[in-house]
Amino acid sequence: MAKVRFKGYGEVEVPVGTTILKAAQGIDAPEGYACGGVCACSTCHVYVTSGQGLLSEQEDEEADMLDKAFDVRANSRLGCQSTIEREGEIEVEITRESLEAFENEHPEHRGKYTTWRKSAS
């Protein structure tokens, strides 16, 4: 088992072989997934702040999709493509881009996670 902590949203223990996106969904963390988790968009973009070595290597397809994401950093990954390969602890920060995508996919949550948008209304 691996423990995945989503900054500000809680943590979950999941079996090796689980993606970061599936782990987020397991605790209802607001990670976007407009394409359904098939690496056809960048809305599940996250920052892996610790435990990167426990995840699968980034493939070319993921790197190509990250080229379309906002504020890409050295620790950027797509949640749908980041498979946990080893036991341990991983910490993830859900990006603003992903939070906005989640709210667009789930209108009932608009403004719940993206407080900066409330003041702009």
PDB file of N, CA and C in Angstrom:
ATOM      1  N   MET A   1       0.842  -1.192   0.000  1.00  0.00           N
ATOM      2  CA  MET A   1       0.000   0.000   0.000  1.00  0.00           C
ATOM      3  C   MET A   1       0.883   1.250   0.000  1.00  0.00           C
ATOM      4  N   ALA A   2       0.340   2.286  -0.572  1.00  0.00           N
ATOM      5  CA  ALA A   2       1.009   3.586  -0.584  1.00  0.00           C
ATOM      6  C   ALA A   2       0.049   4.606   0.012  1.00  0.00           C
ATOM      7  N   LYS A   3       0.603   5.577   0.712  1.00  0.00           N
ATOM      8  CA  LYS A   3      -0.207   6.650   1.271  1.00  0.00           C
ATOM      9  C   LYS A   3      -0.022   7.875   0.383  1.00  0.00           C
ATOM     10  N   VAL A   4      -1.135   8.425  -0.092  1.00  0.00           N
ATOM     11  CA  VAL A   4      -1.091   9.620  -0.928  1.00  0.00           C
ATOM     12  C   VAL A   4      -1.795  10.741  -0.174  1.00  0.00           C
ATOM     13  N   ARG A   5      -1.064  11.820   0.049  1.00  0.00           N
ATOM     14  CA  ARG A   5      -1.597  12.982   0.754  1.00  0.00           C
ATOM     15  C   ARG A   5      -1.822  14.093  -0.266  1.00  0.00           C
ATOM     16  N   PHE A   6      -3.047  14.563  -0.348  1.00  0.00           N
ATOM     17  CA  PHE A   6      -3.394  15.673  -1.229  1.00  0.00           C
ATOM     18  C   PHE A   6      -3.461  16.930  -0.368  1.00  0.00           C
ATOM     19  N   LYS A   7      -2.513  17.830  -0.566  1.00  0.00           N
ATOM     20  CA  LYS A   7      -2.428  19.040   0.265  1.00  0.00           C
ATOM     21  C   LYS A   7      -3.772  19.758   0.324  1.00  0.00           C
ATOM     22  N   GLY A   8      -4.285  19.883   1.535  1.00  0.00           N
ATOM     23  CA  GLY A   8      -5.532  20.591   1.753  1.00  0.00           C
ATOM     24  C   GLY A   8      -6.792  19.756   1.586  1.00  0.00           C
ATOM     25  N   TYR A   9      -6.645  18.490   1.174  1.00  0.00           N
ATOM     26  CA  TYR A   9      -7.829  17.681   0.884  1.00  0.00           C
ATOM     27  C   TYR A   9      -7.842  16.326   1.569  1.00  0.00           C
ATOM     28  N   GLY A  10      -6.782  15.949   2.240  1.00  0.00           N
ATOM     29  CA  GLY A  10      -6.767  14.683   2.950  1.00  0.00           C
ATOM     30  C   GLY A  10      -5.797  13.679   2.359  1.00  0.00           C
ATOM     31  N   GLU A  11      -5.851  12.474   2.890  1.00  0.00           N
ATOM     32  CA  GLU A  11      -4.948  11.415   2.432  1.00  0.00           C
ATOM     33  C   GLU A  11      -5.711  10.108   2.311  1.00  0.00           C
ATOM     34  N   VAL A  12      -5.096   9.211   1.543  1.00  0.00           N
ATOM     35  CA  VAL A  12      -5.729   7.924   1.286  1.00  0.00           C
ATOM     36  C   VAL A  12      -4.642   6.874   1.110  1.00  0.00           C
ATOM     37  N   GLU A  13      -4.921   5.650   1.537  1.00  0.00           N
ATOM     38  CA  GLU A  13      -4.026   4.531   1.267  1.00  0.00           C
ATOM     39  C   GLU A  13      -4.593   3.756   0.093  1.00  0.00           C
ATOM     40  N   VAL A  14      -3.720   3.493  -0.874  1.00  0.00           N
ATOM     41  CA  VAL A  14      -4.145   2.799  -2.095  1.00  0.00           C
ATOM     42  C   VAL A  14      -3.133   1.717  -2.434  1.00  0.00           C
ATOM     43  N   PRO A  15      -3.554   0.698  -3.165  1.00  0.00           N
ATOM     44  CA  PRO A  15      -2.606  -0.341  -3.561  1.00  0.00           C
ATOM     45  C   PRO A  15      -1.662   0.139  -4.659  1.00  0.00           C
ATOM     46  N   VAL A  16      -0.490  -0.468  -4.696  1.00  0.00           N
ATOM     47  CA  VAL A  16       0.443  -0.230  -5.795  1.00  0.00           C
ATOM     48  C   VAL A  16      -0.306  -0.552  -7.089  1.00  0.00           C
ATOM     49  N   GLY A  17      -0.094   0.265  -8.117  1.00  0.00           N
ATOM     50  CA  GLY A  17      -0.800   0.102  -9.385  1.00  0.00           C
ATOM     51  C   GLY A  17      -1.908   1.127  -9.585  1.00  0.00           C
ATOM     52  N   THR A  18      -2.212   1.882  -8.536  1.00  0.00           N
ATOM     53  CA  THR A  18      -3.241   2.923  -8.597  1.00  0.00           C
ATOM     54  C   THR A  18      -2.639   4.200  -9.167  1.00  0.00           C
ATOM     55  N   THR A  19      -3.415   4.938  -9.942  1.00  0.00           N
ATOM     56  CA  THR A  19      -2.939   6.239 -10.426  1.00  0.00           C
ATOM     57  C   THR A  19      -3.240   7.316  -9.386  1.00  0.00           C
ATOM     58  N   ILE A  20      -2.543   8.420  -9.509  1.00  0.00           N
ATOM     59  CA  ILE A  20      -2.802   9.567  -8.633  1.00  0.00           C
ATOM     60  C   ILE A  20      -4.245  10.038  -8.813  1.00  0.00           C
ATOM     61  N   LEU A  21      -4.738  10.039 -10.038  1.00  0.00           N
ATOM     62  CA  LEU A  21      -6.125  10.452 -10.291  1.00  0.00           C
ATOM     63  C   LEU A  21      -7.109   9.552  -9.552  1.00  0.00           C
ATOM     64  N   LYS A  22      -6.929   8.243  -9.627  1.00  0.00           N
ATOM     65  CA  LYS A  22      -7.830   7.312  -8.931  1.00  0.00           C
ATOM     66  C   LYS A  22      -7.741   7.501  -7.418  1.00  0.00           C
ATOM     67  N   ALA A  23      -6.539   7.775  -6.918  1.00  0.00           N
ATOM     68  CA  ALA A  23      -6.379   8.030  -5.485  1.00  0.00           C
ATOM     69  C   ALA A  23      -7.164   9.276  -5.087  1.00  0.00           C
ATOM     70  N   ALA A  24      -7.089  10.327  -5.897  1.00  0.00           N
ATOM     71  CA  ALA A  24      -7.826  11.567  -5.622  1.00  0.00           C
ATOM     72  C   ALA A  24      -9.326  11.300  -5.605  1.00  0.00           C
ATOM     73  N   GLN A  25      -9.786  10.535  -6.566  1.00  0.00           N
ATOM     74  CA  GLN A  25     -11.212  10.221  -6.636  1.00  0.00           C
ATOM     75  C   GLN A  25     -11.660   9.407  -5.432  1.00  0.00           C
ATOM     76  N   GLY A  26     -10.743   8.634  -4.858  1.00  0.00           N
ATOM     77  CA  GLY A  26     -11.067   7.811  -3.700  1.00  0.00           C
ATOM     78  C   GLY A  26     -11.417   8.606  -2.459  1.00  0.00           C
ATOM     79  N   ILE A  27     -10.970   9.857  -2.394  1.00  0.00           N
ATOM     80  CA  ILE A  27     -11.312  10.709  -1.247  1.00  0.00           C
ATOM     81  C   ILE A  27     -12.053  11.965  -1.692  1.00  0.00           C
ATOM     82  N   ASP A  28     -12.551  11.951  -2.913  1.00  0.00           N
ATOM     83  CA  ASP A  28     -13.285  13.095  -3.463  1.00  0.00           C
ATOM     84  C   ASP A  28     -12.457  14.372  -3.483  1.00  0.00           C
ATOM     85  N   ALA A  29     -11.147  14.227  -3.676  1.00  0.00           N
ATOM     86  CA  ALA A  29     -10.297  15.409  -3.857  1.00  0.00           C
ATOM     87  C   ALA A  29     -10.612  15.993  -5.236  1.00  0.00           C
ATOM     88  N   PRO A  30     -10.671  17.309  -5.358  1.00  0.00           N
ATOM     89  CA  PRO A  30     -11.135  17.949  -6.592  1.00  0.00           C
ATOM     90  C   PRO A  30     -10.085  18.032  -7.692  1.00  0.00           C
ATOM     91  N   GLU A  31      -9.719  16.906  -8.250  1.00  0.00           N
ATOM     92  CA  GLU A  31      -8.765  16.883  -9.358  1.00  0.00           C
ATOM     93  C   GLU A  31      -9.537  16.736 -10.664  1.00  0.00           C
ATOM     94  N   GLY A  32      -9.265  17.627 -11.624  1.00  0.00           N
ATOM     95  CA  GLY A  32      -9.959  17.596 -12.904  1.00  0.00           C
ATOM     96  C   GLY A  32      -9.611  16.362 -13.721  1.00  0.00           C
ATOM     97  N   TYR A  33     -10.496  16.021 -14.644  1.00  0.00           N
ATOM     98  CA  TYR A  33     -10.253  14.890 -15.556  1.00  0.00           C
ATOM     99  C   TYR A  33     -11.209  14.981 -16.743  1.00  0.00           C
ATOM    100  N   ALA A  34     -11.122  16.065 -17.481  1.00  0.00           N
ATOM    101  CA  ALA A  34     -12.057  16.334 -18.581  1.00  0.00           C
ATOM    102  C   ALA A  34     -12.095  15.216 -19.616  1.00  0.00           C
ATOM    103  N   CYS A  35     -10.971  14.568 -19.871  1.00  0.00           N
ATOM    104  CA  CYS A  35     -10.925  13.522 -20.904  1.00  0.00           C
ATOM    105  C   CYS A  35     -11.279  12.144 -20.348  1.00  0.00           C
ATOM    106  N   GLY A  36     -11.569  12.070 -19.073  1.00  0.00           N
ATOM    107  CA  GLY A  36     -11.890  10.781 -18.467  1.00  0.00           C
ATOM    108  C   GLY A  36     -10.668  10.006 -18.025  1.00  0.00           C
ATOM    109  N   GLY A  37      -9.506  10.654 -18.028  1.00  0.00           N
ATOM    110  CA  GLY A  37      -8.287   9.998 -17.554  1.00  0.00           C
ATOM    111  C   GLY A  37      -7.573   9.170 -18.592  1.00  0.00           C
ATOM    112  N   VAL A  38      -7.608   9.616 -19.857  1.00  0.00           N
ATOM    113  CA  VAL A  38      -6.962   8.852 -20.928  1.00  0.00           C
ATOM    114  C   VAL A  38      -5.819   9.623 -21.600  1.00  0.00           C
ATOM    115  N   CYS A  39      -5.264  10.600 -20.920  1.00  0.00           N
ATOM    116  CA  CYS A  39      -4.120  11.380 -21.408  1.00  0.00           C
ATOM    117  C   CYS A  39      -4.439  12.139 -22.700  1.00  0.00           C
ATOM    118  N   ALA A  40      -5.653  12.698 -22.766  1.00  0.00           N
ATOM    119  CA  ALA A  40      -6.044  13.485 -23.931  1.00  0.00           C
ATOM    120  C   ALA A  40      -6.226  14.958 -23.588  1.00  0.00           C
ATOM    121  N   CYS A  41      -5.848  15.350 -22.365  1.00  0.00           N
ATOM    122  CA  CYS A  41      -5.917  16.748 -21.942  1.00  0.00           C
ATOM    123  C   CYS A  41      -4.903  16.932 -20.812  1.00  0.00           C
ATOM    124  N   SER A  42      -4.887  18.087 -20.205  1.00  0.00           N
ATOM    125  CA  SER A  42      -3.957  18.315 -19.090  1.00  0.00           C
ATOM    126  C   SER A  42      -4.695  18.743 -17.827  1.00  0.00           C
ATOM    127  N   THR A  43      -5.994  18.446 -17.744  1.00  0.00           N
ATOM    128  CA  THR A  43      -6.769  18.938 -16.605  1.00  0.00           C
ATOM    129  C   THR A  43      -6.513  18.191 -15.299  1.00  0.00           C
ATOM    130  N   CYS A  44      -5.802  17.086 -15.328  1.00  0.00           N
ATOM    131  CA  CYS A  44      -5.449  16.381 -14.085  1.00  0.00           C
ATOM    132  C   CYS A  44      -4.014  16.709 -13.663  1.00  0.00           C
ATOM    133  N   HIS A  45      -3.508  17.843 -14.131  1.00  0.00           N
ATOM    134  CA  HIS A  45      -2.151  18.307 -13.823  1.00  0.00           C
ATOM    135  C   HIS A  45      -1.995  18.535 -12.320  1.00  0.00           C
ATOM    136  N   VAL A  46      -0.981  17.908 -11.744  1.00  0.00           N
ATOM    137  CA  VAL A  46      -0.670  18.062 -10.322  1.00  0.00           C
ATOM    138  C   VAL A  46       0.829  18.292 -10.148  1.00  0.00           C
ATOM    139  N   TYR A  47       1.196  18.753  -8.954  1.00  0.00           N
ATOM    140  CA  TYR A  47       2.604  18.838  -8.560  1.00  0.00           C
ATOM    141  C   TYR A  47       2.851  17.745  -7.529  1.00  0.00           C
ATOM    142  N   VAL A  48       3.807  16.885  -7.786  1.00  0.00           N
ATOM    143  CA  VAL A  48       4.177  15.842  -6.829  1.00  0.00           C
ATOM    144  C   VAL A  48       5.296  16.430  -5.979  1.00  0.00           C
ATOM    145  N   THR A  49       4.962  16.815  -4.743  1.00  0.00           N
ATOM    146  CA  THR A  49       5.923  17.523  -3.898  1.00  0.00           C
ATOM    147  C   THR A  49       6.831  16.593  -3.110  1.00  0.00           C
ATOM    148  N   SER A  50       6.449  15.343  -2.977  1.00  0.00           N
ATOM    149  CA  SER A  50       7.360  14.342  -2.409  1.00  0.00           C
ATOM    150  C   SER A  50       6.907  12.954  -2.844  1.00  0.00           C
ATOM    151  N   GLY A  51       7.874  12.058  -2.947  1.00  0.00           N
ATOM    152  CA  GLY A  51       7.586  10.687  -3.334  1.00  0.00           C
ATOM    153  C   GLY A  51       7.578  10.434  -4.829  1.00  0.00           C
ATOM    154  N   GLN A  52       8.174  11.324  -5.613  1.00  0.00           N
ATOM    155  CA  GLN A  52       8.192  11.134  -7.069  1.00  0.00           C
ATOM    156  C   GLN A  52       8.805   9.803  -7.477  1.00  0.00           C
ATOM    157  N   GLY A  53       9.786   9.346  -6.717  1.00  0.00           N
ATOM    158  CA  GLY A  53      10.464   8.096  -7.042  1.00  0.00           C
ATOM    159  C   GLY A  53       9.588   6.861  -6.895  1.00  0.00           C
ATOM    160  N   LEU A  54       8.415   7.021  -6.298  1.00  0.00           N
ATOM    161  CA  LEU A  54       7.486   5.903  -6.135  1.00  0.00           C
ATOM    162  C   LEU A  54       6.552   5.754  -7.331  1.00  0.00           C
ATOM    163  N   LEU A  55       6.631   6.725  -8.253  1.00  0.00           N
ATOM    164  CA  LEU A  55       5.719   6.757  -9.398  1.00  0.00           C
ATOM    165  C   LEU A  55       6.369   6.236 -10.668  1.00  0.00           C
ATOM    166  N   SER A  56       5.534   5.858 -11.607  1.00  0.00           N
ATOM    167  CA  SER A  56       6.007   5.449 -12.931  1.00  0.00           C
ATOM    168  C   SER A  56       6.759   6.600 -13.589  1.00  0.00           C
ATOM    169  N   GLU A  57       7.634   6.249 -14.515  1.00  0.00           N
ATOM    170  CA  GLU A  57       8.365   7.264 -15.276  1.00  0.00           C
ATOM    171  C   GLU A  57       7.400   7.991 -16.207  1.00  0.00           C
ATOM    172  N   GLN A  58       7.713   9.243 -16.464  1.00  0.00           N
ATOM    173  CA  GLN A  58       6.904  10.014 -17.402  1.00  0.00           C
ATOM    174  C   GLN A  58       7.190   9.553 -18.831  1.00  0.00           C
ATOM    175  N   GLU A  59       6.141   9.222 -19.558  1.00  0.00           N
ATOM    176  CA  GLU A  59       6.265   8.796 -20.956  1.00  0.00           C
ATOM    177  C   GLU A  59       6.136  10.013 -21.872  1.00  0.00           C
ATOM    178  N   ASP A  60       6.505   9.844 -23.141  1.00  0.00           N
ATOM    179  CA  ASP A  60       6.444  10.940 -24.113  1.00  0.00           C
ATOM    180  C   ASP A  60       5.038  11.513 -24.259  1.00  0.00           C
ATOM    181  N   GLU A  61       4.030  10.657 -24.263  1.00  0.00           N
ATOM    182  CA  GLU A  61       2.644  11.115 -24.423  1.00  0.00           C
ATOM    183  C   GLU A  61       2.252  12.068 -23.289  1.00  0.00           C
ATOM    184  N   GLU A  62       2.646  11.732 -22.062  1.00  0.00           N
ATOM    185  CA  GLU A  62       2.358  12.598 -20.919  1.00  0.00           C
ATOM    186  C   GLU A  62       3.107  13.913 -21.050  1.00  0.00           C
ATOM    187  N   ALA A  63       4.377  13.849 -21.427  1.00  0.00           N
ATOM    188  CA  ALA A  63       5.176  15.070 -21.598  1.00  0.00           C
ATOM    189  C   ALA A  63       4.553  15.979 -22.652  1.00  0.00           C
ATOM    190  N   ASP A  64       4.053  15.389 -23.730  1.00  0.00           N
ATOM    191  CA  ASP A  64       3.397  16.175 -24.779  1.00  0.00           C
ATOM    192  C   ASP A  64       2.153  16.880 -24.246  1.00  0.00           C
ATOM    193  N   MET A  65       1.373  16.204 -23.425  1.00  0.00           N
ATOM    194  CA  MET A  65       0.170  16.821 -22.848  1.00  0.00           C
ATOM    195  C   MET A  65       0.543  17.903 -21.842  1.00  0.00           C
ATOM    196  N   LEU A  66       1.598  17.673 -21.077  1.00  0.00           N
ATOM    197  CA  LEU A  66       2.030  18.690 -20.110  1.00  0.00           C
ATOM    198  C   LEU A  66       2.498  19.961 -20.810  1.00  0.00           C
ATOM    199  N   ASP A  67       2.952  19.836 -22.057  1.00  0.00           N
ATOM    200  CA  ASP A  67       3.329  21.026 -22.825  1.00  0.00           C
ATOM    201  C   ASP A  67       2.145  21.972 -22.995  1.00  0.00           C
ATOM    202  N   LYS A  68       0.936  21.461 -22.868  1.00  0.00           N
ATOM    203  CA  LYS A  68      -0.277  22.271 -23.024  1.00  0.00           C
ATOM    204  C   LYS A  68      -0.800  22.799 -21.687  1.00  0.00           C
ATOM    205  N   ALA A  69      -0.191  22.382 -20.600  1.00  0.00           N
ATOM    206  CA  ALA A  69      -0.650  22.779 -19.266  1.00  0.00           C
ATOM    207  C   ALA A  69      -0.085  24.145 -18.884  1.00  0.00           C
ATOM    208  N   PHE A  70      -0.682  24.733 -17.844  1.00  0.00           N
ATOM    209  CA  PHE A  70      -0.225  26.015 -17.320  1.00  0.00           C
ATOM    210  C   PHE A  70       0.718  25.792 -16.143  1.00  0.00           C
ATOM    211  N   ASP A  71       1.696  26.661 -16.011  1.00  0.00           N
ATOM    212  CA  ASP A  71       2.620  26.670 -14.866  1.00  0.00           C
ATOM    213  C   ASP A  71       3.258  25.297 -14.625  1.00  0.00           C
ATOM    214  N   VAL A  72       3.812  24.729 -15.679  1.00  0.00           N
ATOM    215  CA  VAL A  72       4.482  23.430 -15.576  1.00  0.00           C
ATOM    216  C   VAL A  72       5.796  23.600 -14.821  1.00  0.00           C
ATOM    217  N   ARG A  73       6.049  22.694 -13.910  1.00  0.00           N
ATOM    218  CA  ARG A  73       7.259  22.713 -13.082  1.00  0.00           C
ATOM    219  C   ARG A  73       7.976  21.369 -13.214  1.00  0.00           C
ATOM    220  N   ALA A  74       9.143  21.293 -12.623  1.00  0.00           N
ATOM    221  CA  ALA A  74       9.923  20.047 -12.681  1.00  0.00           C
ATOM    222  C   ALA A  74       9.166  18.875 -12.053  1.00  0.00           C
ATOM    223  N   ASN A  75       8.301  19.159 -11.080  1.00  0.00           N
ATOM    224  CA  ASN A  75       7.564  18.093 -10.398  1.00  0.00           C
ATOM    225  C   ASN A  75       6.135  17.929 -10.930  1.00  0.00           C
ATOM    226  N   SER A  76       5.850  18.488 -12.107  1.00  0.00           N
ATOM    227  CA  SER A  76       4.526  18.355 -12.721  1.00  0.00           C
ATOM    228  C   SER A  76       4.307  16.944 -13.253  1.00  0.00           C
ATOM    229  N   ARG A  77       3.100  16.449 -13.035  1.00  0.00           N
ATOM    230  CA  ARG A  77       2.676  15.163 -13.595  1.00  0.00           C
ATOM    231  C   ARG A  77       1.195  15.243 -13.932  1.00  0.00           C
ATOM    232  N   LEU A  78       0.758  14.359 -14.791  1.00  0.00           N
ATOM    233  CA  LEU A  78      -0.671  14.178 -15.022  1.00  0.00           C
ATOM    234  C   LEU A  78      -1.133  13.061 -14.096  1.00  0.00           C
ATOM    235  N   GLY A  79      -2.157  13.329 -13.325  1.00  0.00           N
ATOM    236  CA  GLY A  79      -2.642  12.341 -12.368  1.00  0.00           C
ATOM    237  C   GLY A  79      -3.063  11.035 -13.009  1.00  0.00           C
ATOM    238  N   CYS A  80      -3.591  11.110 -14.232  1.00  0.00           N
ATOM    239  CA  CYS A  80      -4.062   9.892 -14.903  1.00  0.00           C
ATOM    240  C   CYS A  80      -2.920   9.021 -15.400  1.00  0.00           C
ATOM    241  N   GLN A  81      -1.733   9.585 -15.531  1.00  0.00           N
ATOM    242  CA  GLN A  81      -0.584   8.845 -16.064  1.00  0.00           C
ATOM    243  C   GLN A  81       0.438   8.485 -14.996  1.00  0.00           C
ATOM    244  N   SER A  82       0.264   8.998 -13.794  1.00  0.00           N
ATOM    245  CA  SER A  82       1.208   8.755 -12.696  1.00  0.00           C
ATOM    246  C   SER A  82       0.746   7.549 -11.897  1.00  0.00           C
ATOM    247  N   THR A  83       1.313   6.410 -12.197  1.00  0.00           N
ATOM    248  CA  THR A  83       0.946   5.166 -11.520  1.00  0.00           C
ATOM    249  C   THR A  83       1.907   4.914 -10.369  1.00  0.00           C
ATOM    250  N   ILE A  84       1.354   4.573  -9.224  1.00  0.00           N
ATOM    251  CA  ILE A  84       2.170   4.268  -8.053  1.00  0.00           C
ATOM    252  C   ILE A  84       2.781   2.888  -8.259  1.00  0.00           C
ATOM    253  N   GLU A  85       4.112   2.828  -8.233  1.00  0.00           N
ATOM    254  CA  GLU A  85       4.817   1.569  -8.492  1.00  0.00           C
ATOM    255  C   GLU A  85       5.427   0.941  -7.249  1.00  0.00           C
ATOM    256  N   ARG A  86       5.559   1.723  -6.174  1.00  0.00           N
ATOM    257  CA  ARG A  86       6.177   1.214  -4.950  1.00  0.00           C
ATOM    258  C   ARG A  86       5.432   1.735  -3.725  1.00  0.00           C
ATOM    259  N   GLU A  87       5.536   0.995  -2.636  1.00  0.00           N
ATOM    260  CA  GLU A  87       4.935   1.426  -1.377  1.00  0.00           C
ATOM    261  C   GLU A  87       5.709   2.605  -0.815  1.00  0.00           C
ATOM    262  N   GLY A  88       5.019   3.468  -0.094  1.00  0.00           N
ATOM    263  CA  GLY A  88       5.637   4.628   0.527  1.00  0.00           C
ATOM    264  C   GLY A  88       4.634   5.765   0.622  1.00  0.00           C
ATOM    265  N   GLU A  89       5.164   6.968   0.850  1.00  0.00           N
ATOM    266  CA  GLU A  89       4.306   8.141   1.004  1.00  0.00           C
ATOM    267  C   GLU A  89       4.554   9.131  -0.117  1.00  0.00           C
ATOM    268  N   ILE A  90       3.474   9.649  -0.644  1.00  0.00           N
ATOM    269  CA  ILE A  90       3.514  10.602  -1.752  1.00  0.00           C
ATOM    270  C   ILE A  90       2.695  11.816  -1.341  1.00  0.00           C
ATOM    271  N   GLU A  91       3.204  12.996  -1.663  1.00  0.00           N
ATOM    272  CA  GLU A  91       2.437  14.215  -1.403  1.00  0.00           C
ATOM    273  C   GLU A  91       2.185  14.925  -2.721  1.00  0.00           C
ATOM    274  N   VAL A  92       0.936  15.340  -2.906  1.00  0.00           N
ATOM    275  CA  VAL A  92       0.501  15.929  -4.170  1.00  0.00           C
ATOM    276  C   VAL A  92      -0.201  17.255  -3.906  1.00  0.00           C
ATOM    277  N   GLU A  93       0.096  18.230  -4.742  1.00  0.00           N
ATOM    278  CA  GLU A  93      -0.627  19.500  -4.724  1.00  0.00           C
ATOM    279  C   GLU A  93      -1.440  19.575  -6.018  1.00  0.00           C
ATOM    280  N   ILE A  94      -2.732  19.763  -5.883  1.00  0.00           N
ATOM    281  CA  ILE A  94      -3.596  19.889  -7.061  1.00  0.00           C
ATOM    282  C   ILE A  94      -3.453  21.307  -7.598  1.00  0.00           C
ATOM    283  N   THR A  95      -3.179  21.428  -8.893  1.00  0.00           N
ATOM    284  CA  THR A  95      -2.933  22.746  -9.486  1.00  0.00           C
ATOM    285  C   THR A  95      -4.227  23.546  -9.636  1.00  0.00           C
ATOM    286  N   ARG A  96      -4.053  24.842  -9.752  1.00  0.00           N
ATOM    287  CA  ARG A  96      -5.195  25.737  -9.980  1.00  0.00           C
ATOM    288  C   ARG A  96      -5.943  25.319 -11.252  1.00  0.00           C
ATOM    289  N   GLU A  97      -5.184  24.984 -12.280  1.00  0.00           N
ATOM    290  CA  GLU A  97      -5.763  24.529 -13.551  1.00  0.00           C
ATOM    291  C   GLU A  97      -6.683  23.322 -13.330  1.00  0.00           C
ATOM    292  N   SER A  98      -6.230  22.388 -12.532  1.00  0.00           N
ATOM    293  CA  SER A  98      -7.010  21.182 -12.273  1.00  0.00           C
ATOM    294  C   SER A  98      -8.249  21.489 -11.432  1.00  0.00           C
ATOM    295  N   LEU A  99      -8.103  22.371 -10.447  1.00  0.00           N
ATOM    296  CA  LEU A  99      -9.252  22.763  -9.627  1.00  0.00           C
ATOM    297  C   LEU A  99     -10.321  23.438 -10.477  1.00  0.00           C
ATOM    298  N   GLU A 100      -9.894  24.334 -11.366  1.00  0.00           N
ATOM    299  CA  GLU A 100     -10.849  25.013 -12.249  1.00  0.00           C
ATOM    300  C   GLU A 100     -11.542  24.007 -13.170  1.00  0.00           C
ATOM    301  N   ALA A 101     -10.781  23.057 -13.686  1.00  0.00           N
ATOM    302  CA  ALA A 101     -11.367  22.030 -14.552  1.00  0.00           C
ATOM    303  C   ALA A 101     -12.391  21.208 -13.779  1.00  0.00           C
ATOM    304  N   PHE A 102     -12.060  20.850 -12.539  1.00  0.00           N
ATOM    305  CA  PHE A 102     -12.991  20.074 -11.715  1.00  0.00           C
ATOM    306  C   PHE A 102     -14.298  20.834 -11.533  1.00  0.00           C
ATOM    307  N   GLU A 103     -14.195  22.129 -11.231  1.00  0.00           N
ATOM    308  CA  GLU A 103     -15.404  22.928 -11.033  1.00  0.00           C
ATOM    309  C   GLU A 103     -16.206  23.062 -12.329  1.00  0.00           C
ATOM    310  N   ASN A 104     -15.525  23.136 -13.459  1.00  0.00           N
ATOM    311  CA  ASN A 104     -16.237  23.195 -14.739  1.00  0.00           C
ATOM    312  C   ASN A 104     -16.950  21.877 -15.037  1.00  0.00           C
ATOM    313  N   GLU A 105     -16.328  20.771 -14.632  1.00  0.00           N
ATOM    314  CA  GLU A 105     -16.921  19.449 -14.842  1.00  0.00           C
ATOM    315  C   GLU A 105     -18.060  19.180 -13.863  1.00  0.00           C
ATOM    316  N   HIS A 106     -18.015  19.848 -12.711  1.00  0.00           N
ATOM    317  CA  HIS A 106     -18.997  19.637 -11.640  1.00  0.00           C
ATOM    318  C   HIS A 106     -19.547  20.994 -11.202  1.00  0.00           C
ATOM    319  N   PRO A 107     -20.487  21.565 -11.950  1.00  0.00           N
ATOM    320  CA  PRO A 107     -20.991  22.915 -11.665  1.00  0.00           C
ATOM    321  C   PRO A 107     -21.525  23.093 -10.246  1.00  0.00           C
ATOM    322  N   GLU A 108     -21.981  22.019  -9.638  1.00  0.00           N
ATOM    323  CA  GLU A 108     -22.495  22.123  -8.269  1.00  0.00           C
ATOM    324  C   GLU A 108     -21.404  22.510  -7.272  1.00  0.00           C
ATOM    325  N   HIS A 109     -20.144  22.416  -7.680  1.00  0.00           N
ATOM    326  CA  HIS A 109     -19.023  22.773  -6.807  1.00  0.00           C
ATOM    327  C   HIS A 109     -18.377  24.108  -7.181  1.00  0.00           C
ATOM    328  N   ARG A 110     -18.952  24.847  -8.130  1.00  0.00           N
ATOM    329  CA  ARG A 110     -18.333  26.102  -8.585  1.00  0.00           C
ATOM    330  C   ARG A 110     -18.066  27.035  -7.421  1.00  0.00           C
ATOM    331  N   GLY A 111     -16.837  27.508  -7.346  1.00  0.00           N
ATOM    332  CA  GLY A 111     -16.430  28.441  -6.304  1.00  0.00           C
ATOM    333  C   GLY A 111     -16.040  27.788  -4.996  1.00  0.00           C
ATOM    334  N   LYS A 112     -16.265  26.509  -4.865  1.00  0.00           N
ATOM    335  CA  LYS A 112     -15.954  25.810  -3.614  1.00  0.00           C
ATOM    336  C   LYS A 112     -14.451  25.658  -3.413  1.00  0.00           C
ATOM    337  N   TYR A 113     -13.721  25.398  -4.500  1.00  0.00           N
ATOM    338  CA  TYR A 113     -12.289  25.148  -4.395  1.00  0.00           C
ATOM    339  C   TYR A 113     -11.446  26.289  -4.942  1.00  0.00           C
ATOM    340  N   THR A 114     -12.028  27.108  -5.788  1.00  0.00           N
ATOM    341  CA  THR A 114     -11.284  28.207  -6.413  1.00  0.00           C
ATOM    342  C   THR A 114     -11.766  29.525  -5.831  1.00  0.00           C
ATOM    343  N   THR A 115     -11.401  29.788  -4.608  1.00  0.00           N
ATOM    344  CA  THR A 115     -11.880  30.979  -3.910  1.00  0.00           C
ATOM    345  C   THR A 115     -11.463  32.270  -4.598  1.00  0.00           C
ATOM    346  N   TRP A 116     -10.345  32.247  -5.350  1.00  0.00           N
ATOM    347  CA  TRP A 116      -9.909  33.462  -6.044  1.00  0.00           C
ATOM    348  C   TRP A 116     -10.931  33.882  -7.093  1.00  0.00           C
ATOM    349  N   ARG A 117     -11.758  32.963  -7.556  1.00  0.00           N
ATOM    350  CA  ARG A 117     -12.772  33.280  -8.563  1.00  0.00           C
ATOM    351  C   ARG A 117     -13.979  33.961  -7.927  1.00  0.00           C
ATOM    352  N   LYS A 118     -14.240  33.708  -6.663  1.00  0.00           N
ATOM    353  CA  LYS A 118     -15.387  34.323  -5.994  1.00  0.00           C
ATOM    354  C   LYS A 118     -15.252  35.839  -5.980  1.00  0.00           C
ATOM    355  N   SER A 119     -14.055  36.330  -5.696  1.00  0.00           N
ATOM    356  CA  SER A 119     -13.857  37.772  -5.602  1.00  0.00           C
ATOM    357  C   SER A 119     -13.931  38.445  -6.963  1.00  0.00           C
ATOM    358  N   ALA A 120     -13.726  37.679  -8.037  1.00  0.00           N
ATOM    359  CA  ALA A 120     -13.768  38.245  -9.384  1.00  0.00           C
ATOM    360  C   ALA A 120     -15.201  38.362  -9.901  1.00  0.00           C
ATOM    361  N   SER A 121     -16.140  37.710  -9.240  1.00  0.00           N
ATOM    362  CA  SER A 121     -17.539  37.718  -9.709  1.00  0.00           C
ATOM    363  C   SER A 121     -18.209  39.035  -9.439  1.00  0.00           C
TER     364      SER A 121
END
